[in-house]
Each structure stands twice: as C-alpha cells, then as structure tokens.
Amino acid sequence: MRFIAFWMPTETFDIHYASGRHLERVDIYLMTLSSVLGLVILCQRDGKSAALLTSCLTVFPLIYYIVQFEDRYRYPIMWVTFLLGAMPVSAFARQLWESLTFSAGTWNGIANQV
C-alpha cells in the first residue's frame, strides 16, 4: 500500500477524492504513468542518463515504503517524474512536426513541378 501511495498518492488512500484537487491528482497520475514510457525512450537515447534517473527513482522512495507517507514527501523527486513524463509528449510532437513538414515539403515540390 505504501508503494502505491508514493507513486499514486490520494488523500483517502482510495480512488475516490475528498477535496477539489482532482485535476492535480490526474496530472500527477498521467505524468507518473507516462514517465515509464519516457524512461524507455531515454534508455534508447542515452543509457547513462537513464541509469542516473532510474537510480533516483528507485533509491529515494525506499524509506517511504517502510515508514508513514504523506504527499509532500514526493515533492523532492517530482521533477524526475515530470521530466520523464514530458519525453513521450516531446517525441510525439517531434514526429508530428516532421510528418507535417514532410507533407508540406512534398506538396511544395509538386507545386513547383507544375
């Protein structure tokens, strides 16, 4: 339960929400889940950086798996989650941009030939 509480924190330790921080929780959940994909992408690009961030994500929360946990204890490591969570978004944006510029370049080449 403490493992889940650290990575997917809630105020009541269940799926239902007691306060108006629903959007914040959803953002944290989405970034936590996408950080796994971001770690895979980073591992393919730069193994040393991936190893460093993996060590941060594995070593830092160990004590909170044993002792009492509060949401604020995760704040010092949250930057790693958001950094890795942004990687799939940027990879998708890069692919989209390249496909749009390729399509525009193709149409410009066809227009120039006519």
PDB file of N, CA and C in Angstrom:
ATOM      1  N   MET A   1       0.815  -1.191   0.000  1.00  0.00           N
ATOM      2  CA  MET A   1       0.000   0.000   0.000  1.00  0.00           C
ATOM      3  C   MET A   1       0.861   1.259   0.000  1.00  0.00           C
ATOM      4  N   ARG A   2       1.976   1.216   0.685  1.00  0.00           N
ATOM      5  CA  ARG A   2       2.839   2.407   0.728  1.00  0.00           C
ATOM      6  C   ARG A   2       3.514   2.650  -0.609  1.00  0.00           C
ATOM      7  N   PHE A   3       3.827   1.585  -1.327  1.00  0.00           N
ATOM      8  CA  PHE A   3       4.380   1.733  -2.674  1.00  0.00           C
ATOM      9  C   PHE A   3       3.380   2.456  -3.566  1.00  0.00           C
ATOM     10  N   ILE A   4       2.142   2.017  -3.538  1.00  0.00           N
ATOM     11  CA  ILE A   4       1.095   2.643  -4.351  1.00  0.00           C
ATOM     12  C   ILE A   4       0.837   4.063  -3.865  1.00  0.00           C
ATOM     13  N   ALA A   5       0.852   4.279  -2.547  1.00  0.00           N
ATOM     14  CA  ALA A   5       0.623   5.611  -2.006  1.00  0.00           C
ATOM     15  C   ALA A   5       1.707   6.585  -2.432  1.00  0.00           C
ATOM     16  N   PHE A   6       2.937   6.110  -2.587  1.00  0.00           N
ATOM     17  CA  PHE A   6       4.008   7.002  -3.013  1.00  0.00           C
ATOM     18  C   PHE A   6       3.859   7.387  -4.475  1.00  0.00           C
ATOM     19  N   TRP A   7       3.582   6.425  -5.334  1.00  0.00           N
ATOM     20  CA  TRP A   7       3.549   6.691  -6.765  1.00  0.00           C
ATOM     21  C   TRP A   7       2.206   7.199  -7.261  1.00  0.00           C
ATOM     22  N   MET A   8       1.121   6.834  -6.631  1.00  0.00           N
ATOM     23  CA  MET A   8      -0.220   7.297  -6.995  1.00  0.00           C
ATOM     24  C   MET A   8      -0.921   7.831  -5.739  1.00  0.00           C
ATOM     25  N   PRO A   9      -0.474   8.974  -5.240  1.00  0.00           N
ATOM     26  CA  PRO A   9      -0.990   9.441  -3.952  1.00  0.00           C
ATOM     27  C   PRO A   9      -2.446   9.900  -4.021  1.00  0.00           C
ATOM     28  N   THR A  10      -3.192   9.599  -2.982  1.00  0.00           N
ATOM     29  CA  THR A  10      -4.549  10.104  -2.796  1.00  0.00           C
ATOM     30  C   THR A  10      -4.670  10.587  -1.357  1.00  0.00           C
ATOM     31  N   GLU A  11      -5.672  11.380  -1.108  1.00  0.00           N
ATOM     32  CA  GLU A  11      -5.864  11.881   0.249  1.00  0.00           C
ATOM     33  C   GLU A  11      -6.487  10.825   1.152  1.00  0.00           C
ATOM     34  N   THR A  12      -7.335   9.983   0.588  1.00  0.00           N
ATOM     35  CA  THR A  12      -8.038   8.987   1.393  1.00  0.00           C
ATOM     36  C   THR A  12      -7.507   7.578   1.163  1.00  0.00           C
ATOM     37  N   PHE A  13      -6.462   7.432   0.359  1.00  0.00           N
ATOM     38  CA  PHE A  13      -5.865   6.150   0.012  1.00  0.00           C
ATOM     39  C   PHE A  13      -6.845   5.219  -0.690  1.00  0.00           C
ATOM     40  N   ASP A  14      -7.775   5.796  -1.415  1.00  0.00           N
ATOM     41  CA  ASP A  14      -8.627   5.023  -2.311  1.00  0.00           C
ATOM     42  C   ASP A  14      -8.837   5.845  -3.576  1.00  0.00           C
ATOM     43  N   ILE A  15      -9.653   5.369  -4.479  1.00  0.00           N
ATOM     44  CA  ILE A  15      -9.817   6.021  -5.770  1.00  0.00           C
ATOM     45  C   ILE A  15     -10.698   7.264  -5.671  1.00  0.00           C
ATOM     46  N   HIS A  16     -11.560   7.340  -4.679  1.00  0.00           N
ATOM     47  CA  HIS A  16     -12.451   8.482  -4.551  1.00  0.00           C
ATOM     48  C   HIS A  16     -11.708   9.671  -3.959  1.00  0.00           C
ATOM     49  N   TYR A  17     -12.116  10.865  -4.353  1.00  0.00           N
ATOM     50  CA  TYR A  17     -11.427  12.084  -3.937  1.00  0.00           C
ATOM     51  C   TYR A  17     -12.254  12.840  -2.915  1.00  0.00           C
ATOM     52  N   ALA A  18     -11.585  13.357  -1.901  1.00  0.00           N
ATOM     53  CA  ALA A  18     -12.280  14.067  -0.833  1.00  0.00           C
ATOM     54  C   ALA A  18     -12.242  15.576  -1.029  1.00  0.00           C
ATOM     55  N   SER A  19     -11.330  16.083  -1.812  1.00  0.00           N
ATOM     56  CA  SER A  19     -11.215  17.529  -1.968  1.00  0.00           C
ATOM     57  C   SER A  19     -11.275  17.915  -3.439  1.00  0.00           C
ATOM     58  N   GLY A  20     -11.078  19.203  -3.699  1.00  0.00           N
ATOM     59  CA  GLY A  20     -11.153  19.721  -5.054  1.00  0.00           C
ATOM     60  C   GLY A  20      -9.845  19.639  -5.814  1.00  0.00           C
ATOM     61  N   ARG A  21      -8.917  18.820  -5.400  1.00  0.00           N
ATOM     62  CA  ARG A  21      -7.618  18.703  -6.074  1.00  0.00           C
ATOM     63  C   ARG A  21      -7.622  17.583  -7.094  1.00  0.00           C
ATOM     64  N   HIS A  22      -8.751  17.344  -7.686  1.00  0.00           N
ATOM     65  CA  HIS A  22      -8.903  16.231  -8.629  1.00  0.00           C
ATOM     66  C   HIS A  22      -8.004  16.406  -9.851  1.00  0.00           C
ATOM     67  N   LEU A  23      -7.964  17.593 -10.436  1.00  0.00           N
ATOM     68  CA  LEU A  23      -7.158  17.830 -11.634  1.00  0.00           C
ATOM     69  C   LEU A  23      -5.663  17.667 -11.344  1.00  0.00           C
ATOM     70  N   GLU A  24      -5.250  18.108 -10.183  1.00  0.00           N
ATOM     71  CA  GLU A  24      -3.848  17.946  -9.789  1.00  0.00           C
ATOM     72  C   GLU A  24      -3.491  16.466  -9.687  1.00  0.00           C
ATOM     73  N   ARG A  25      -4.358  15.694  -9.099  1.00  0.00           N
ATOM     74  CA  ARG A  25      -4.119  14.256  -8.963  1.00  0.00           C
ATOM     75  C   ARG A  25      -4.061  13.572 -10.326  1.00  0.00           C
ATOM     76  N   VAL A  26      -4.972  13.941 -11.201  1.00  0.00           N
ATOM     77  CA  VAL A  26      -4.984  13.351 -12.542  1.00  0.00           C
ATOM     78  C   VAL A  26      -3.695  13.695 -13.276  1.00  0.00           C
ATOM     79  N   ASP A  27      -3.224  14.937 -13.157  1.00  0.00           N
ATOM     80  CA  ASP A  27      -1.962  15.324 -13.794  1.00  0.00           C
ATOM     81  C   ASP A  27      -0.793  14.503 -13.253  1.00  0.00           C
ATOM     82  N   ILE A  28      -0.757  14.335 -11.950  1.00  0.00           N
ATOM     83  CA  ILE A  28       0.329  13.555 -11.351  1.00  0.00           C
ATOM     84  C   ILE A  28       0.259  12.100 -11.813  1.00  0.00           C
ATOM     85  N   TYR A  29      -0.940  11.542 -11.860  1.00  0.00           N
ATOM     86  CA  TYR A  29      -1.086  10.162 -12.323  1.00  0.00           C
ATOM     87  C   TYR A  29      -0.645  10.009 -13.769  1.00  0.00           C
ATOM     88  N   LEU A  30      -1.077  10.926 -14.627  1.00  0.00           N
ATOM     89  CA  LEU A  30      -0.702  10.851 -16.048  1.00  0.00           C
ATOM     90  C   LEU A  30       0.802  10.992 -16.233  1.00  0.00           C
ATOM     91  N   MET A  31       1.407  11.913 -15.510  1.00  0.00           N
ATOM     92  CA  MET A  31       2.848  12.092 -15.637  1.00  0.00           C
ATOM     93  C   MET A  31       3.614  10.898 -15.073  1.00  0.00           C
ATOM     94  N   THR A  32       3.101  10.309 -14.007  1.00  0.00           N
ATOM     95  CA  THR A  32       3.760   9.128 -13.443  1.00  0.00           C
ATOM     96  C   THR A  32       3.704   7.964 -14.421  1.00  0.00           C
ATOM     97  N   LEU A  33       2.547   7.752 -15.014  1.00  0.00           N
ATOM     98  CA  LEU A  33       2.424   6.652 -15.982  1.00  0.00           C
ATOM     99  C   LEU A  33       3.231   6.924 -17.252  1.00  0.00           C
ATOM    100  N   SER A  34       3.219   8.171 -17.740  1.00  0.00           N
ATOM    101  CA  SER A  34       3.987   8.461 -18.954  1.00  0.00           C
ATOM    102  C   SER A  34       5.484   8.520 -18.679  1.00  0.00           C
ATOM    103  N   SER A  35       5.878   8.676 -17.418  1.00  0.00           N
ATOM    104  CA  SER A  35       7.311   8.667 -17.106  1.00  0.00           C
ATOM    105  C   SER A  35       7.923   7.292 -17.333  1.00  0.00           C
ATOM    106  N   VAL A  36       7.131   6.253 -17.230  1.00  0.00           N
ATOM    107  CA  VAL A  36       7.638   4.905 -17.529  1.00  0.00           C
ATOM    108  C   VAL A  36       8.012   4.824 -19.008  1.00  0.00           C
ATOM    109  N   LEU A  37       7.135   5.312 -19.871  1.00  0.00           N
ATOM    110  CA  LEU A  37       7.436   5.353 -21.302  1.00  0.00           C
ATOM    111  C   LEU A  37       8.599   6.303 -21.581  1.00  0.00           C
ATOM    112  N   GLY A  38       8.640   7.408 -20.861  1.00  0.00           N
ATOM    113  CA  GLY A  38       9.756   8.352 -21.022  1.00  0.00           C
ATOM    114  C   GLY A  38      11.082   7.736 -20.626  1.00  0.00           C
ATOM    115  N   LEU A  39      11.072   6.891 -19.616  1.00  0.00           N
ATOM    116  CA  LEU A  39      12.302   6.215 -19.206  1.00  0.00           C
ATOM    117  C   LEU A  39      12.769   5.239 -20.278  1.00  0.00           C
ATOM    118  N   VAL A  40      11.842   4.584 -20.934  1.00  0.00           N
ATOM    119  CA  VAL A  40      12.193   3.676 -22.037  1.00  0.00           C
ATOM    120  C   VAL A  40      12.801   4.485 -23.195  1.00  0.00           C
ATOM    121  N   ILE A  41      12.192   5.611 -23.528  1.00  0.00           N
ATOM    122  CA  ILE A  41      12.709   6.465 -24.608  1.00  0.00           C
ATOM    123  C   ILE A  41      14.100   6.972 -24.252  1.00  0.00           C
ATOM    124  N   LEU A  42      14.278   7.426 -23.006  1.00  0.00           N
ATOM    125  CA  LEU A  42      15.587   7.930 -22.592  1.00  0.00           C
ATOM    126  C   LEU A  42      16.629   6.823 -22.591  1.00  0.00           C
ATOM    127  N   CYS A  43      16.241   5.627 -22.223  1.00  0.00           N
ATOM    128  CA  CYS A  43      17.170   4.497 -22.225  1.00  0.00           C
ATOM    129  C   CYS A  43      17.681   4.211 -23.634  1.00  0.00           C
ATOM    130  N   GLN A  44      16.816   4.380 -24.631  1.00  0.00           N
ATOM    131  CA  GLN A  44      17.230   4.176 -26.016  1.00  0.00           C
ATOM    132  C   GLN A  44      18.153   5.292 -26.494  1.00  0.00           C
ATOM    133  N   ARG A  45      17.924   6.505 -26.012  1.00  0.00           N
ATOM    134  CA  ARG A  45      18.719   7.659 -26.455  1.00  0.00           C
ATOM    135  C   ARG A  45      20.034   7.796 -25.694  1.00  0.00           C
ATOM    136  N   ASP A  46      19.965   7.666 -24.360  1.00  0.00           N
ATOM    137  CA  ASP A  46      21.141   7.905 -23.521  1.00  0.00           C
ATOM    138  C   ASP A  46      21.068   7.010 -22.290  1.00  0.00           C
ATOM    139  N   GLY A  47      21.780   5.930 -22.323  1.00  0.00           N
ATOM    140  CA  GLY A  47      21.731   4.943 -21.256  1.00  0.00           C
ATOM    141  C   GLY A  47      22.242   5.445 -19.919  1.00  0.00           C
ATOM    142  N   LYS A  48      23.269   6.300 -19.938  1.00  0.00           N
ATOM    143  CA  LYS A  48      23.824   6.806 -18.681  1.00  0.00           C
ATOM    144  C   LYS A  48      22.829   7.726 -17.965  1.00  0.00           C
ATOM    145  N   SER A  49      22.178   8.586 -18.715  1.00  0.00           N
ATOM    146  CA  SER A  49      21.171   9.463 -18.112  1.00  0.00           C
ATOM    147  C   SER A  49      19.992   8.660 -17.588  1.00  0.00           C
ATOM    148  N   ALA A  50      19.610   7.642 -18.323  1.00  0.00           N
ATOM    149  CA  ALA A  50      18.517   6.783 -17.880  1.00  0.00           C
ATOM    150  C   ALA A  50      18.895   6.056 -16.596  1.00  0.00           C
ATOM    151  N   ALA A  51      20.127   5.606 -16.490  1.00  0.00           N
ATOM    152  CA  ALA A  51      20.587   4.924 -15.280  1.00  0.00           C
ATOM    153  C   ALA A  51      20.601   5.881 -14.089  1.00  0.00           C
ATOM    154  N   LEU A  52      21.016   7.105 -14.307  1.00  0.00           N
ATOM    155  CA  LEU A  52      21.042   8.094 -13.235  1.00  0.00           C
ATOM    156  C   LEU A  52      19.629   8.391 -12.726  1.00  0.00           C
ATOM    157  N   LEU A  53      18.706   8.623 -13.645  1.00  0.00           N
ATOM    158  CA  LEU A  53      17.337   8.924 -13.237  1.00  0.00           C
ATOM    159  C   LEU A  53      16.644   7.698 -12.632  1.00  0.00           C
ATOM    160  N   THR A  54      16.957   6.527 -13.125  1.00  0.00           N
ATOM    161  CA  THR A  54      16.407   5.304 -12.544  1.00  0.00           C
ATOM    162  C   THR A  54      16.890   5.130 -11.111  1.00  0.00           C
ATOM    163  N   SER A  55      18.159   5.430 -10.873  1.00  0.00           N
ATOM    164  CA  SER A  55      18.670   5.318  -9.502  1.00  0.00           C
ATOM    165  C   SER A  55      17.983   6.322  -8.584  1.00  0.00           C
ATOM    166  N   CYS A  56      17.692   7.519  -9.086  1.00  0.00           N
ATOM    167  CA  CYS A  56      16.953   8.496  -8.275  1.00  0.00           C
ATOM    168  C   CYS A  56      15.561   7.979  -7.943  1.00  0.00           C
ATOM    169  N   LEU A  57      14.906   7.388  -8.932  1.00  0.00           N
ATOM    170  CA  LEU A  57      13.543   6.911  -8.733  1.00  0.00           C
ATOM    171  C   LEU A  57      13.464   5.647  -7.880  1.00  0.00           C
ATOM    172  N   THR A  58      14.525   4.895  -7.815  1.00  0.00           N
ATOM    173  CA  THR A  58      14.481   3.667  -7.012  1.00  0.00           C
ATOM    174  C   THR A  58      15.007   3.874  -5.595  1.00  0.00           C
ATOM    175  N   VAL A  59      16.033   4.679  -5.416  1.00  0.00           N
ATOM    176  CA  VAL A  59      16.648   4.835  -4.105  1.00  0.00           C
ATOM    177  C   VAL A  59      15.872   5.812  -3.218  1.00  0.00           C
ATOM    178  N   PHE A  60      15.423   6.933  -3.781  1.00  0.00           N
ATOM    179  CA  PHE A  60      14.760   7.958  -2.970  1.00  0.00           C
ATOM    180  C   PHE A  60      13.532   7.446  -2.222  1.00  0.00           C
ATOM    181  N   PRO A  61      12.611   6.729  -2.872  1.00  0.00           N
ATOM    182  CA  PRO A  61      11.382   6.364  -2.147  1.00  0.00           C
ATOM    183  C   PRO A  61      11.500   5.141  -1.239  1.00  0.00           C
ATOM    184  N   LEU A  62      12.643   4.505  -1.141  1.00  0.00           N
ATOM    185  CA  LEU A  62      12.748   3.275  -0.354  1.00  0.00           C
ATOM    186  C   LEU A  62      12.287   3.452   1.091  1.00  0.00           C
ATOM    187  N   ILE A  63      12.678   4.537   1.720  1.00  0.00           N
ATOM    188  CA  ILE A  63      12.302   4.752   3.118  1.00  0.00           C
ATOM    189  C   ILE A  63      10.796   4.932   3.268  1.00  0.00           C
ATOM    190  N   TYR A  64      10.154   5.488   2.235  1.00  0.00           N
ATOM    191  CA  TYR A  64       8.717   5.744   2.327  1.00  0.00           C
ATOM    192  C   TYR A  64       7.891   4.494   2.070  1.00  0.00           C
ATOM    193  N   TYR A  65       8.522   3.423   1.641  1.00  0.00           N
ATOM    194  CA  TYR A  65       7.835   2.143   1.550  1.00  0.00           C
ATOM    195  C   TYR A  65       7.726   1.498   2.935  1.00  0.00           C
ATOM    196  N   ILE A  66       8.553   1.972   3.876  1.00  0.00           N
ATOM    197  CA  ILE A  66       8.612   1.388   5.211  1.00  0.00           C
ATOM    198  C   ILE A  66       7.879   2.258   6.242  1.00  0.00           C
ATOM    199  N   VAL A  67       8.110   3.585   6.184  1.00  0.00           N
ATOM    200  CA  VAL A  67       7.526   4.483   7.188  1.00  0.00           C
ATOM    201  C   VAL A  67       6.270   5.159   6.641  1.00  0.00           C
ATOM    202  N   GLN A  68       5.624   5.908   7.504  1.00  0.00           N
ATOM    203  CA  GLN A  68       4.424   6.660   7.137  1.00  0.00           C
ATOM    204  C   GLN A  68       4.726   7.594   5.971  1.00  0.00           C
ATOM    205  N   PHE A  69       3.761   7.747   5.069  1.00  0.00           N
ATOM    206  CA  PHE A  69       3.955   8.566   3.875  1.00  0.00           C
ATOM    207  C   PHE A  69       2.926   9.684   3.820  1.00  0.00           C
ATOM    208  N   GLU A  70       3.374  10.856   3.355  1.00  0.00           N
ATOM    209  CA  GLU A  70       2.482  11.964   3.040  1.00  0.00           C
ATOM    210  C   GLU A  70       2.823  12.449   1.645  1.00  0.00           C
ATOM    211  N   ASP A  71       1.869  13.115   1.005  1.00  0.00           N
ATOM    212  CA  ASP A  71       2.074  13.582  -0.377  1.00  0.00           C
ATOM    213  C   ASP A  71       3.315  14.456  -0.519  1.00  0.00           C
ATOM    214  N   ARG A  72       3.563  15.298   0.444  1.00  0.00           N
ATOM    215  CA  ARG A  72       4.666  16.252   0.330  1.00  0.00           C
ATOM    216  C   ARG A  72       6.038  15.579   0.301  1.00  0.00           C
ATOM    217  N   TYR A  73       6.126  14.337   0.746  1.00  0.00           N
ATOM    218  CA  TYR A  73       7.408  13.639   0.724  1.00  0.00           C
ATOM    219  C   TYR A  73       7.851  13.320  -0.698  1.00  0.00           C
ATOM    220  N   ARG A  74       6.929  13.337  -1.617  1.00  0.00           N
ATOM    221  CA  ARG A  74       7.271  13.031  -3.000  1.00  0.00           C
ATOM    222  C   ARG A  74       7.754  14.264  -3.763  1.00  0.00           C
ATOM    223  N   TYR A  75       7.516  15.441  -3.266  1.00  0.00           N
ATOM    224  CA  TYR A  75       7.869  16.672  -3.978  1.00  0.00           C
ATOM    225  C   TYR A  75       9.336  16.759  -4.386  1.00  0.00           C
ATOM    226  N   PRO A  76      10.306  16.350  -3.556  1.00  0.00           N
ATOM    227  CA  PRO A  76      11.704  16.465  -3.995  1.00  0.00           C
ATOM    228  C   PRO A  76      12.055  15.630  -5.221  1.00  0.00           C
ATOM    229  N   ILE A  77      11.318  14.578  -5.496  1.00  0.00           N
ATOM    230  CA  ILE A  77      11.613  13.715  -6.632  1.00  0.00           C
ATOM    231  C   ILE A  77      10.642  13.937  -7.791  1.00  0.00           C
ATOM    232  N   MET A  78       9.665  14.800  -7.594  1.00  0.00           N
ATOM    233  CA  MET A  78       8.632  15.024  -8.603  1.00  0.00           C
ATOM    234  C   MET A  78       9.215  15.546  -9.922  1.00  0.00           C
ATOM    235  N   TRP A  79      10.314  16.272  -9.868  1.00  0.00           N
ATOM    236  CA  TRP A  79      10.895  16.820 -11.088  1.00  0.00           C
ATOM    237  C   TRP A  79      11.337  15.706 -12.030  1.00  0.00           C
ATOM    238  N   VAL A  80      11.810  14.598 -11.483  1.00  0.00           N
ATOM    239  CA  VAL A  80      12.233  13.479 -12.330  1.00  0.00           C
ATOM    240  C   VAL A  80      11.019  12.881 -13.033  1.00  0.00           C
ATOM    241  N   THR A  81       9.933  12.752 -12.303  1.00  0.00           N
ATOM    242  CA  THR A  81       8.706  12.219 -12.892  1.00  0.00           C
ATOM    243  C   THR A  81       8.213  13.104 -14.025  1.00  0.00           C
ATOM    244  N   PHE A  82       8.212  14.417 -13.810  1.00  0.00           N
ATOM    245  CA  PHE A  82       7.720  15.327 -14.838  1.00  0.00           C
ATOM    246  C   PHE A  82       8.687  15.435 -16.015  1.00  0.00           C
ATOM    247  N   LEU A  83       9.983  15.345 -15.749  1.00  0.00           N
ATOM    248  CA  LEU A  83      10.964  15.359 -16.841  1.00  0.00           C
ATOM    249  C   LEU A  83      10.784  14.140 -17.736  1.00  0.00           C
ATOM    250  N   LEU A  84      10.686  12.968 -17.124  1.00  0.00           N
ATOM    251  CA  LEU A  84      10.490  11.744 -17.904  1.00  0.00           C
ATOM    252  C   LEU A  84       9.101  11.696 -18.530  1.00  0.00           C
ATOM    253  N   GLY A  85       8.106  12.232 -17.858  1.00  0.00           N
ATOM    254  CA  GLY A  85       6.756  12.254 -18.398  1.00  0.00           C
ATOM    255  C   GLY A  85       6.614  13.159 -19.610  1.00  0.00           C
ATOM    256  N   ALA A  86       7.475  14.167 -19.704  1.00  0.00           N
ATOM    257  CA  ALA A  86       7.435  15.072 -20.845  1.00  0.00           C
ATOM    258  C   ALA A  86       8.110  14.482 -22.077  1.00  0.00           C
ATOM    259  N   MET A  87       8.924  13.472 -21.902  1.00  0.00           N
ATOM    260  CA  MET A  87       9.639  12.897 -23.043  1.00  0.00           C
ATOM    261  C   MET A  87       8.719  12.270 -24.087  1.00  0.00           C
ATOM    262  N   PRO A  88       7.709  11.477 -23.720  1.00  0.00           N
ATOM    263  CA  PRO A  88       6.801  10.957 -24.752  1.00  0.00           C
ATOM    264  C   PRO A  88       6.020  12.066 -25.456  1.00  0.00           C
ATOM    265  N   VAL A  89       5.679  13.116 -24.722  1.00  0.00           N
ATOM    266  CA  VAL A  89       4.963  14.241 -25.329  1.00  0.00           C
ATOM    267  C   VAL A  89       5.849  14.930 -26.360  1.00  0.00           C
ATOM    268  N   SER A  90       7.106  15.157 -26.007  1.00  0.00           N
ATOM    269  CA  SER A  90       8.015  15.807 -26.956  1.00  0.00           C
ATOM    270  C   SER A  90       8.342  14.897 -28.137  1.00  0.00           C
ATOM    271  N   ALA A  91       8.433  13.601 -27.900  1.00  0.00           N
ATOM    272  CA  ALA A  91       8.694  12.670 -29.009  1.00  0.00           C
ATOM    273  C   ALA A  91       7.505  12.642 -29.968  1.00  0.00           C
ATOM    274  N   PHE A  92       6.295  12.660 -29.419  1.00  0.00           N
ATOM    275  CA  PHE A  92       5.103  12.711 -30.262  1.00  0.00           C
ATOM    276  C   PHE A  92       5.041  14.026 -31.038  1.00  0.00           C
ATOM    277  N   ALA A  93       5.348  15.137 -30.369  1.00  0.00           N
ATOM    278  CA  ALA A  93       5.333  16.440 -31.042  1.00  0.00           C
ATOM    279  C   ALA A  93       6.383  16.493 -32.156  1.00  0.00           C
ATOM    280  N   ARG A  94       7.546  15.905 -31.906  1.00  0.00           N
ATOM    281  CA  ARG A  94       8.599  15.885 -32.925  1.00  0.00           C
ATOM    282  C   ARG A  94       8.156  15.069 -34.138  1.00  0.00           C
ATOM    283  N   GLN A  95       7.566  13.902 -33.903  1.00  0.00           N
ATOM    284  CA  GLN A  95       7.075  13.066 -35.004  1.00  0.00           C
ATOM    285  C   GLN A  95       5.989  13.787 -35.793  1.00  0.00           C
ATOM    286  N   LEU A  96       5.086  14.441 -35.081  1.00  0.00           N
ATOM    287  CA  LEU A  96       4.021  15.187 -35.739  1.00  0.00           C
ATOM    288  C   LEU A  96       4.584  16.324 -36.571  1.00  0.00           C
ATOM    289  N   TRP A  97       5.545  17.051 -36.018  1.00  0.00           N
ATOM    290  CA  TRP A  97       6.160  18.167 -36.738  1.00  0.00           C
ATOM    291  C   TRP A  97       6.880  17.675 -37.989  1.00  0.00           C
ATOM    292  N   GLU A  98       7.626  16.595 -37.863  1.00  0.00           N
ATOM    293  CA  GLU A  98       8.347  16.063 -39.014  1.00  0.00           C
ATOM    294  C   GLU A  98       7.385  15.563 -40.085  1.00  0.00           C
ATOM    295  N   SER A  99       6.305  14.950 -39.693  1.00  0.00           N
ATOM    296  CA  SER A  99       5.344  14.479 -40.689  1.00  0.00           C
ATOM    297  C   SER A  99       4.639  15.648 -41.357  1.00  0.00           C
ATOM    298  N   LEU A 100       4.352  16.713 -40.617  1.00  0.00           N
ATOM    299  CA  LEU A 100       3.707  17.883 -41.217  1.00  0.00           C
ATOM    300  C   LEU A 100       4.652  18.630 -42.150  1.00  0.00           C
ATOM    301  N   THR A 101       5.914  18.767 -41.765  1.00  0.00           N
ATOM    302  CA  THR A 101       6.857  19.457 -42.638  1.00  0.00           C
ATOM    303  C   THR A 101       7.169  18.609 -43.862  1.00  0.00           C
ATOM    304  N   PHE A 102       7.194  17.280 -43.714  1.00  0.00           N
ATOM    305  CA  PHE A 102       7.398  16.428 -44.875  1.00  0.00           C
ATOM    306  C   PHE A 102       6.225  16.553 -45.832  1.00  0.00           C
ATOM    307  N   SER A 103       5.015  16.562 -45.280  1.00  0.00           N
ATOM    308  CA  SER A 103       3.831  16.698 -46.130  1.00  0.00           C
ATOM    309  C   SER A 103       3.825  18.037 -46.836  1.00  0.00           C
ATOM    310  N   ALA A 104       4.175  19.109 -46.116  1.00  0.00           N
ATOM    311  CA  ALA A 104       4.216  20.435 -46.731  1.00  0.00           C
ATOM    312  C   ALA A 104       5.320  20.505 -47.777  1.00  0.00           C
ATOM    313  N   GLY A 105       6.465  19.890 -47.479  1.00  0.00           N
ATOM    314  CA  GLY A 105       7.558  19.886 -48.446  1.00  0.00           C
ATOM    315  C   GLY A 105       7.201  19.103 -49.696  1.00  0.00           C
ATOM    316  N   THR A 106       6.498  18.026 -49.534  1.00  0.00           N
ATOM    317  CA  THR A 106       6.063  17.225 -50.679  1.00  0.00           C
ATOM    318  C   THR A 106       5.105  18.020 -51.546  1.00  0.00           C
ATOM    319  N   TRP A 107       4.150  18.684 -50.921  1.00  0.00           N
ATOM    320  CA  TRP A 107       3.189  19.486 -51.681  1.00  0.00           C
ATOM    321  C   TRP A 107       3.878  20.678 -52.358  1.00  0.00           C
ATOM    322  N   ASN A 108       4.863  21.278 -51.710  1.00  0.00           N
ATOM    323  CA  ASN A 108       5.596  22.381 -52.333  1.00  0.00           C
ATOM    324  C   ASN A 108       6.407  21.891 -53.516  1.00  0.00           C
ATOM    325  N   GLY A 109       6.983  20.705 -53.387  1.00  0.00           N
ATOM    326  CA  GLY A 109       7.748  20.141 -54.511  1.00  0.00           C
ATOM    327  C   GLY A 109       6.846  19.830 -55.683  1.00  0.00           C
ATOM    328  N   ILE A 110       5.683  19.323 -55.429  1.00  0.00           N
ATOM    329  CA  ILE A 110       4.723  19.029 -56.506  1.00  0.00           C
ATOM    330  C   ILE A 110       4.249  20.327 -57.145  1.00  0.00           C
ATOM    331  N   ALA A 111       3.985  21.318 -56.340  1.00  0.00           N
ATOM    332  CA  ALA A 111       3.509  22.616 -56.871  1.00  0.00           C
ATOM    333  C   ALA A 111       4.581  23.274 -57.718  1.00  0.00           C
ATOM    334  N   ASN A 112       5.855  23.127 -57.332  1.00  0.00           N
ATOM    335  CA  ASN A 112       6.936  23.727 -58.105  1.00  0.00           C
ATOM    336  C   ASN A 112       7.135  23.014 -59.452  1.00  0.00           C
ATOM    337  N   GLN A 113       6.829  21.733 -59.498  1.00  0.00           N
ATOM    338  CA  GLN A 113       6.995  20.992 -60.753  1.00  0.00           C
ATOM    339  C   GLN A 113       5.907  21.322 -61.741  1.00  0.00           C
ATOM    340  N   VAL A 114       4.758  21.742 -61.289  1.00  0.00           N
ATOM    341  CA  VAL A 114       3.632  22.038 -62.185  1.00  0.00           C
ATOM    342  C   VAL A 114       3.788  23.386 -62.703  1.00  0.00           C
TER     343      VAL A 114
END
